Amino acid sequence: MVCRRCGNGAAEQFRRVDSFERLSLADDPADSNCGHYYIDMVYVMRCSACGHRQEQVEKRSPFATLQEAQKELDSTIIGKG
């Protein structure tokens, strides 16, 4: 990972300060899941050199429909997943 502000890329300079899940659409034609929806596990990383925060997508789980992805995301939020 390289900081987008200061350009430093030492792995030990980044600290995870937050995480969240979000839905996203695979809209890249080169992606084998193009047209599907992803649940992304996103980490917010902080550069210790300059303090800049940026996202790092750690895991992507594909789903064929928005309804399936939303149901899975909701089930993990309420603890039934």
N, C-alpha and C. Protein backbone atom coordinates (compact mmCIF):
# COMPACT_ATOMS: atom_id res chain seq x y z
N MET A 1 0.85 -1.17 0.00
CA MET A 1 0.00 0.00 0.00
C MET A 1 0.89 1.23 0.00
N VAL A 2 0.55 2.20 -0.83
CA VAL A 2 1.30 3.45 -0.93
C VAL A 2 0.36 4.60 -0.58
N CYS A 3 0.84 5.50 0.26
CA CYS A 3 0.04 6.66 0.64
C CYS A 3 -0.18 7.55 -0.56
N ARG A 4 -1.40 7.93 -0.79
CA ARG A 4 -1.73 8.77 -1.94
C ARG A 4 -1.35 10.23 -1.73
N ARG A 5 -1.06 10.61 -0.50
CA ARG A 5 -0.67 11.99 -0.23
C ARG A 5 0.85 12.16 -0.23
N CYS A 6 1.56 11.37 0.59
CA CYS A 6 3.00 11.58 0.74
C CYS A 6 3.85 10.61 -0.08
N GLY A 7 3.24 9.54 -0.58
CA GLY A 7 3.96 8.60 -1.44
C GLY A 7 4.74 7.53 -0.71
N ASN A 8 4.75 7.55 0.60
CA ASN A 8 5.45 6.51 1.35
C ASN A 8 4.71 5.19 1.23
N GLY A 9 5.47 4.10 1.20
CA GLY A 9 4.83 2.81 1.01
C GLY A 9 5.27 1.74 1.98
N ALA A 10 5.87 2.11 3.09
CA ALA A 10 6.29 1.12 4.07
C ALA A 10 5.06 0.53 4.75
N ALA A 11 4.97 -0.80 4.77
CA ALA A 11 3.79 -1.46 5.34
C ALA A 11 3.58 -1.12 6.79
N GLU A 12 4.64 -0.93 7.54
CA GLU A 12 4.50 -0.65 8.97
C GLU A 12 4.03 0.77 9.25
N GLN A 13 3.99 1.63 8.25
CA GLN A 13 3.55 3.00 8.49
C GLN A 13 2.04 3.14 8.50
N PHE A 14 1.31 2.12 8.06
CA PHE A 14 -0.15 2.20 8.01
C PHE A 14 -0.77 1.49 9.20
N ARG A 15 -1.80 2.11 9.76
CA ARG A 15 -2.57 1.52 10.85
C ARG A 15 -4.04 1.52 10.47
N ARG A 16 -4.70 0.43 10.78
CA ARG A 16 -6.14 0.35 10.52
C ARG A 16 -6.86 1.12 11.62
N VAL A 17 -7.67 2.10 11.22
CA VAL A 17 -8.38 2.92 12.19
C VAL A 17 -9.88 2.67 12.18
N ASP A 18 -10.39 2.02 11.15
CA ASP A 18 -11.82 1.75 11.06
C ASP A 18 -12.05 0.70 9.99
N SER A 19 -13.25 0.13 9.97
CA SER A 19 -13.63 -0.80 8.91
C SER A 19 -15.13 -0.75 8.73
N PHE A 20 -15.57 -1.09 7.54
CA PHE A 20 -17.00 -1.12 7.25
C PHE A 20 -17.24 -1.99 6.02
N GLU A 21 -18.49 -2.35 5.81
CA GLU A 21 -18.88 -3.09 4.61
C GLU A 21 -19.76 -2.19 3.76
N ARG A 22 -19.66 -2.37 2.45
CA ARG A 22 -20.50 -1.60 1.54
C ARG A 22 -20.84 -2.43 0.31
N LEU A 23 -21.90 -2.03 -0.35
CA LEU A 23 -22.30 -2.65 -1.60
C LEU A 23 -21.70 -1.86 -2.76
N SER A 24 -21.26 -2.58 -3.78
CA SER A 24 -20.75 -1.91 -4.98
C SER A 24 -21.14 -2.74 -6.20
N LEU A 25 -21.23 -2.08 -7.32
CA LEU A 25 -21.57 -2.73 -8.59
C LEU A 25 -20.28 -2.99 -9.36
N ALA A 26 -20.13 -4.21 -9.85
CA ALA A 26 -18.99 -4.55 -10.70
C ALA A 26 -19.30 -4.04 -12.10
N ASP A 27 -18.69 -2.91 -12.47
CA ASP A 27 -19.01 -2.30 -13.77
C ASP A 27 -17.82 -2.30 -14.73
N ASP A 28 -16.75 -3.00 -14.38
CA ASP A 28 -15.59 -3.11 -15.25
C ASP A 28 -15.78 -4.30 -16.19
N PRO A 29 -15.80 -4.08 -17.49
CA PRO A 29 -16.00 -5.18 -18.44
C PRO A 29 -14.94 -6.28 -18.33
N ALA A 30 -13.78 -5.95 -17.81
CA ALA A 30 -12.72 -6.95 -17.65
C ALA A 30 -12.95 -7.85 -16.44
N ASP A 31 -13.85 -7.45 -15.56
CA ASP A 31 -14.17 -8.23 -14.36
C ASP A 31 -15.09 -9.38 -14.74
N SER A 32 -14.74 -10.59 -14.33
CA SER A 32 -15.58 -11.75 -14.67
C SER A 32 -16.96 -11.66 -14.03
N ASN A 33 -17.12 -10.84 -13.00
CA ASN A 33 -18.41 -10.66 -12.34
C ASN A 33 -19.10 -9.36 -12.77
N CYS A 34 -18.75 -8.83 -13.92
CA CYS A 34 -19.33 -7.58 -14.40
C CYS A 34 -20.86 -7.69 -14.42
N GLY A 35 -21.52 -6.70 -13.84
CA GLY A 35 -22.96 -6.70 -13.76
C GLY A 35 -23.49 -7.26 -12.45
N HIS A 36 -22.62 -7.89 -11.68
CA HIS A 36 -23.00 -8.41 -10.37
C HIS A 36 -22.71 -7.35 -9.30
N TYR A 37 -23.12 -7.66 -8.11
CA TYR A 37 -22.89 -6.76 -6.98
C TYR A 37 -21.90 -7.39 -6.01
N TYR A 38 -21.11 -6.56 -5.39
CA TYR A 38 -20.14 -7.01 -4.40
C TYR A 38 -20.50 -6.47 -3.03
N ILE A 39 -20.19 -7.27 -2.02
CA ILE A 39 -20.09 -6.73 -0.66
C ILE A 39 -18.60 -6.58 -0.42
N ASP A 40 -18.16 -5.36 -0.22
CA ASP A 40 -16.76 -5.06 0.01
C ASP A 40 -16.49 -4.91 1.50
N MET A 41 -15.44 -5.56 2.00
CA MET A 41 -14.95 -5.30 3.35
C MET A 41 -13.84 -4.27 3.17
N VAL A 42 -14.07 -3.09 3.73
CA VAL A 42 -13.16 -1.97 3.52
C VAL A 42 -12.50 -1.60 4.85
N TYR A 43 -11.18 -1.46 4.81
CA TYR A 43 -10.42 -0.96 5.96
C TYR A 43 -10.03 0.48 5.69
N VAL A 44 -10.19 1.33 6.69
CA VAL A 44 -9.70 2.70 6.60
C VAL A 44 -8.32 2.69 7.24
N MET A 45 -7.31 3.02 6.44
CA MET A 45 -5.93 2.97 6.88
C MET A 45 -5.40 4.40 7.06
N ARG A 46 -4.61 4.60 8.10
CA ARG A 46 -4.03 5.91 8.38
C ARG A 46 -2.52 5.83 8.22
N CYS A 47 -1.97 6.76 7.44
CA CYS A 47 -0.53 6.85 7.24
C CYS A 47 0.07 7.54 8.46
N SER A 48 1.00 6.89 9.14
CA SER A 48 1.60 7.49 10.33
C SER A 48 2.58 8.61 9.98
N ALA A 49 3.03 8.65 8.73
CA ALA A 49 3.96 9.70 8.32
C ALA A 49 3.27 11.05 8.13
N CYS A 50 2.08 11.06 7.51
CA CYS A 50 1.43 12.34 7.21
C CYS A 50 0.01 12.44 7.76
N GLY A 51 -0.55 11.34 8.29
CA GLY A 51 -1.89 11.38 8.86
C GLY A 51 -3.02 11.18 7.88
N HIS A 52 -2.71 11.01 6.60
CA HIS A 52 -3.73 10.82 5.57
C HIS A 52 -4.46 9.50 5.79
N ARG A 53 -5.77 9.51 5.57
CA ARG A 53 -6.58 8.30 5.66
C ARG A 53 -7.04 7.90 4.27
N GLN A 54 -6.96 6.61 3.99
CA GLN A 54 -7.43 6.11 2.70
C GLN A 54 -8.00 4.71 2.89
N GLU A 55 -8.83 4.31 1.93
CA GLU A 55 -9.50 3.01 2.01
C GLU A 55 -8.66 1.93 1.36
N GLN A 56 -8.77 0.73 1.92
CA GLN A 56 -8.18 -0.46 1.34
C GLN A 56 -9.26 -1.53 1.32
N VAL A 57 -9.64 -1.98 0.13
CA VAL A 57 -10.64 -3.04 0.01
C VAL A 57 -9.94 -4.37 0.29
N GLU A 58 -10.36 -5.03 1.34
CA GLU A 58 -9.70 -6.25 1.80
C GLU A 58 -10.35 -7.50 1.21
N LYS A 59 -11.66 -7.51 1.06
CA LYS A 59 -12.36 -8.70 0.57
C LYS A 59 -13.57 -8.26 -0.23
N ARG A 60 -13.83 -8.97 -1.32
CA ARG A 60 -15.00 -8.71 -2.16
C ARG A 60 -15.75 -10.02 -2.35
N SER A 61 -17.03 -10.02 -2.00
CA SER A 61 -17.88 -11.20 -2.18
C SER A 61 -18.94 -10.89 -3.22
N PRO A 62 -18.96 -11.62 -4.36
CA PRO A 62 -19.90 -11.31 -5.44
C PRO A 62 -21.28 -11.93 -5.22
N PHE A 63 -22.30 -11.22 -5.68
CA PHE A 63 -23.68 -11.69 -5.66
C PHE A 63 -24.33 -11.31 -6.99
N ALA A 64 -25.20 -12.19 -7.50
CA ALA A 64 -25.80 -11.99 -8.81
C ALA A 64 -26.80 -10.83 -8.84
N THR A 65 -27.50 -10.59 -7.74
CA THR A 65 -28.50 -9.53 -7.74
C THR A 65 -28.29 -8.61 -6.54
N LEU A 66 -28.80 -7.41 -6.66
CA LEU A 66 -28.73 -6.44 -5.57
C LEU A 66 -29.49 -6.96 -4.36
N GLN A 67 -30.62 -7.60 -4.59
CA GLN A 67 -31.43 -8.13 -3.49
C GLN A 67 -30.65 -9.18 -2.69
N GLU A 68 -29.95 -10.08 -3.37
CA GLU A 68 -29.14 -11.09 -2.67
C GLU A 68 -28.03 -10.44 -1.84
N ALA A 69 -27.36 -9.46 -2.43
CA ALA A 69 -26.27 -8.78 -1.72
C ALA A 69 -26.80 -8.03 -0.51
N GLN A 70 -27.92 -7.33 -0.69
CA GLN A 70 -28.51 -6.57 0.42
C GLN A 70 -28.96 -7.49 1.55
N LYS A 71 -29.54 -8.63 1.18
CA LYS A 71 -29.99 -9.60 2.19
C LYS A 71 -28.80 -10.13 2.99
N GLU A 72 -27.71 -10.45 2.31
CA GLU A 72 -26.50 -10.93 2.98
C GLU A 72 -25.90 -9.86 3.89
N LEU A 73 -25.83 -8.64 3.40
CA LEU A 73 -25.30 -7.54 4.20
C LEU A 73 -26.16 -7.30 5.43
N ASP A 74 -27.47 -7.30 5.25
CA ASP A 74 -28.38 -7.12 6.38
C ASP A 74 -28.25 -8.25 7.39
N SER A 75 -28.08 -9.47 6.93
CA SER A 75 -27.98 -10.61 7.85
C SER A 75 -26.70 -10.54 8.69
N THR A 76 -25.61 -10.05 8.12
CA THR A 76 -24.38 -9.92 8.91
C THR A 76 -24.50 -8.76 9.91
N ILE A 77 -25.23 -7.73 9.56
CA ILE A 77 -25.40 -6.59 10.46
C ILE A 77 -26.22 -6.98 11.68
N ILE A 78 -27.29 -7.77 11.47
CA ILE A 78 -28.14 -8.14 12.60
C ILE A 78 -27.72 -9.46 13.23
N GLY A 79 -26.62 -10.05 12.76
CA GLY A 79 -26.04 -11.23 13.39
C GLY A 79 -26.65 -12.56 13.02
N LYS A 80 -27.32 -12.63 11.88
CA LYS A 80 -27.93 -13.91 11.47
C LYS A 80 -27.17 -14.52 10.31
N GLY A 81 -26.00 -14.01 9.97
CA GLY A 81 -25.25 -14.50 8.82
C GLY A 81 -24.18 -15.47 9.15
